[in-house]
Amino acid sequence: MAHVISEECIKCGACEAECPVNAISEDTDQFVIDPDVCTDCASCTEVCPVGAISEA
């Protein structure tokens, strides 16, 4: 199951840089994770400074 980024996202970009499969991209108000590309490695959760990423 893919991870999701909540509205607490501060658009710092740390998660996007950490994703090994480029599943994270910048949207209008926050970053988003493409569930079809996400491999659930959880690398993004470890670098998010505000804890905005969790399992879907």
N, C-alpha and C. Protein backbone atom coordinates (compact mmCIF):
# COMPACT_ATOMS: atom_id res chain seq x y z
N MET A 1 0.84 -1.18 0.00
CA MET A 1 0.00 0.00 0.00
C MET A 1 0.89 1.25 0.00
N ALA A 2 0.60 2.17 -0.86
CA ALA A 2 1.41 3.37 -1.01
C ALA A 2 1.29 4.29 0.20
N HIS A 3 2.28 5.13 0.38
CA HIS A 3 2.26 6.13 1.42
C HIS A 3 1.53 7.37 0.89
N VAL A 4 1.09 8.21 1.80
CA VAL A 4 0.40 9.45 1.44
C VAL A 4 1.01 10.61 2.22
N ILE A 5 0.88 11.79 1.64
CA ILE A 5 1.38 13.01 2.29
C ILE A 5 0.16 13.81 2.72
N SER A 6 0.11 14.17 3.99
CA SER A 6 -1.03 14.90 4.54
C SER A 6 -0.90 16.40 4.30
N GLU A 7 -1.93 17.11 4.71
CA GLU A 7 -1.96 18.57 4.54
C GLU A 7 -0.95 19.29 5.43
N GLU A 8 -0.30 18.56 6.34
CA GLU A 8 0.74 19.17 7.17
C GLU A 8 2.02 19.45 6.38
N CYS A 9 2.07 18.98 5.13
CA CYS A 9 3.24 19.16 4.26
C CYS A 9 3.62 20.64 4.17
N ILE A 10 4.90 20.93 4.36
CA ILE A 10 5.39 22.31 4.29
C ILE A 10 6.16 22.57 2.99
N LYS A 11 6.10 21.64 2.05
CA LYS A 11 6.73 21.75 0.73
C LYS A 11 8.24 21.99 0.82
N CYS A 12 8.90 21.30 1.72
CA CYS A 12 10.35 21.48 1.85
C CYS A 12 11.13 20.72 0.78
N GLY A 13 10.52 19.65 0.21
CA GLY A 13 11.17 18.89 -0.84
C GLY A 13 12.08 17.76 -0.40
N ALA A 14 12.22 17.58 0.90
CA ALA A 14 13.11 16.52 1.40
C ALA A 14 12.65 15.14 0.93
N CYS A 15 11.37 14.91 0.92
CA CYS A 15 10.83 13.61 0.52
C CYS A 15 11.07 13.33 -0.95
N GLU A 16 10.88 14.32 -1.79
CA GLU A 16 11.06 14.15 -3.23
C GLU A 16 12.49 13.74 -3.55
N ALA A 17 13.44 14.38 -2.90
CA ALA A 17 14.85 14.07 -3.13
C ALA A 17 15.23 12.68 -2.63
N GLU A 18 14.53 12.18 -1.64
CA GLU A 18 14.84 10.89 -1.02
C GLU A 18 14.23 9.70 -1.75
N CYS A 19 13.17 9.91 -2.50
CA CYS A 19 12.43 8.81 -3.14
C CYS A 19 13.27 8.14 -4.24
N PRO A 20 13.55 6.84 -4.10
CA PRO A 20 14.40 6.15 -5.08
C PRO A 20 13.69 5.82 -6.40
N VAL A 21 12.37 5.93 -6.43
CA VAL A 21 11.63 5.60 -7.66
C VAL A 21 10.89 6.81 -8.25
N ASN A 22 11.19 7.99 -7.75
CA ASN A 22 10.59 9.24 -8.24
C ASN A 22 9.06 9.21 -8.22
N ALA A 23 8.50 8.70 -7.13
CA ALA A 23 7.05 8.64 -6.99
C ALA A 23 6.46 9.92 -6.40
N ILE A 24 7.32 10.83 -5.95
CA ILE A 24 6.85 12.05 -5.28
C ILE A 24 7.06 13.25 -6.19
N SER A 25 6.02 14.07 -6.30
CA SER A 25 6.11 15.27 -7.13
C SER A 25 5.41 16.43 -6.42
N GLU A 26 5.75 17.63 -6.86
CA GLU A 26 5.17 18.82 -6.26
C GLU A 26 3.83 19.15 -6.89
N ASP A 27 2.83 19.36 -6.06
CA ASP A 27 1.51 19.77 -6.51
C ASP A 27 1.33 21.24 -6.12
N THR A 28 0.19 21.79 -6.31
CA THR A 28 -0.06 23.20 -6.02
C THR A 28 0.21 23.57 -4.57
N ASP A 29 -0.36 22.82 -3.63
CA ASP A 29 -0.26 23.17 -2.22
C ASP A 29 0.71 22.32 -1.41
N GLN A 30 1.10 21.16 -1.94
CA GLN A 30 1.97 20.24 -1.21
C GLN A 30 2.55 19.23 -2.17
N PHE A 31 3.40 18.36 -1.67
CA PHE A 31 3.91 17.27 -2.47
C PHE A 31 2.92 16.12 -2.43
N VAL A 32 2.91 15.28 -3.46
CA VAL A 32 2.01 14.14 -3.54
C VAL A 32 2.80 12.90 -3.95
N ILE A 33 2.28 11.73 -3.57
CA ILE A 33 2.91 10.46 -3.91
C ILE A 33 2.02 9.71 -4.89
N ASP A 34 2.60 9.28 -6.01
CA ASP A 34 1.87 8.50 -7.00
C ASP A 34 1.78 7.06 -6.49
N PRO A 35 0.58 6.59 -6.15
CA PRO A 35 0.44 5.25 -5.58
C PRO A 35 0.80 4.13 -6.54
N ASP A 36 0.77 4.41 -7.84
CA ASP A 36 1.13 3.40 -8.84
C ASP A 36 2.63 3.23 -8.97
N VAL A 37 3.40 4.18 -8.47
CA VAL A 37 4.86 4.13 -8.56
C VAL A 37 5.50 3.81 -7.22
N CYS A 38 4.89 4.25 -6.13
CA CYS A 38 5.42 4.05 -4.77
C CYS A 38 5.64 2.57 -4.47
N THR A 39 6.81 2.25 -3.95
CA THR A 39 7.15 0.85 -3.60
C THR A 39 7.10 0.61 -2.10
N ASP A 40 6.63 1.57 -1.33
CA ASP A 40 6.52 1.45 0.13
C ASP A 40 7.84 1.25 0.83
N CYS A 41 8.89 1.84 0.33
CA CYS A 41 10.20 1.70 0.97
C CYS A 41 10.28 2.51 2.26
N ALA A 42 9.42 3.52 2.40
CA ALA A 42 9.34 4.38 3.59
C ALA A 42 10.53 5.31 3.78
N SER A 43 11.36 5.46 2.79
CA SER A 43 12.49 6.39 2.90
C SER A 43 12.01 7.82 3.13
N CYS A 44 10.90 8.17 2.53
CA CYS A 44 10.37 9.53 2.65
C CYS A 44 9.91 9.84 4.07
N THR A 45 9.37 8.83 4.76
CA THR A 45 8.87 9.08 6.11
C THR A 45 9.99 9.45 7.07
N GLU A 46 11.17 8.92 6.81
CA GLU A 46 12.31 9.16 7.69
C GLU A 46 12.87 10.57 7.55
N VAL A 47 12.66 11.22 6.41
CA VAL A 47 13.25 12.55 6.19
C VAL A 47 12.26 13.70 6.35
N CYS A 48 10.97 13.39 6.46
CA CYS A 48 9.98 14.46 6.58
C CYS A 48 10.11 15.13 7.95
N PRO A 49 10.41 16.44 7.95
CA PRO A 49 10.63 17.14 9.23
C PRO A 49 9.36 17.38 10.05
N VAL A 50 8.19 17.25 9.42
CA VAL A 50 6.94 17.50 10.14
C VAL A 50 6.08 16.25 10.28
N GLY A 51 6.58 15.10 9.87
CA GLY A 51 5.83 13.86 10.00
C GLY A 51 4.56 13.82 9.18
N ALA A 52 4.58 14.41 7.99
CA ALA A 52 3.39 14.51 7.16
C ALA A 52 3.16 13.28 6.27
N ILE A 53 4.03 12.29 6.34
CA ILE A 53 3.90 11.13 5.46
C ILE A 53 3.59 9.88 6.29
N SER A 54 2.56 9.14 5.83
CA SER A 54 2.17 7.93 6.54
C SER A 54 1.68 6.89 5.53
N GLU A 55 1.44 5.67 6.01
CA GLU A 55 0.88 4.64 5.15
C GLU A 55 -0.57 4.99 4.84
N ALA A 56 -0.98 4.69 3.63
CA ALA A 56 -2.36 4.99 3.21
C ALA A 56 -3.35 4.12 3.93
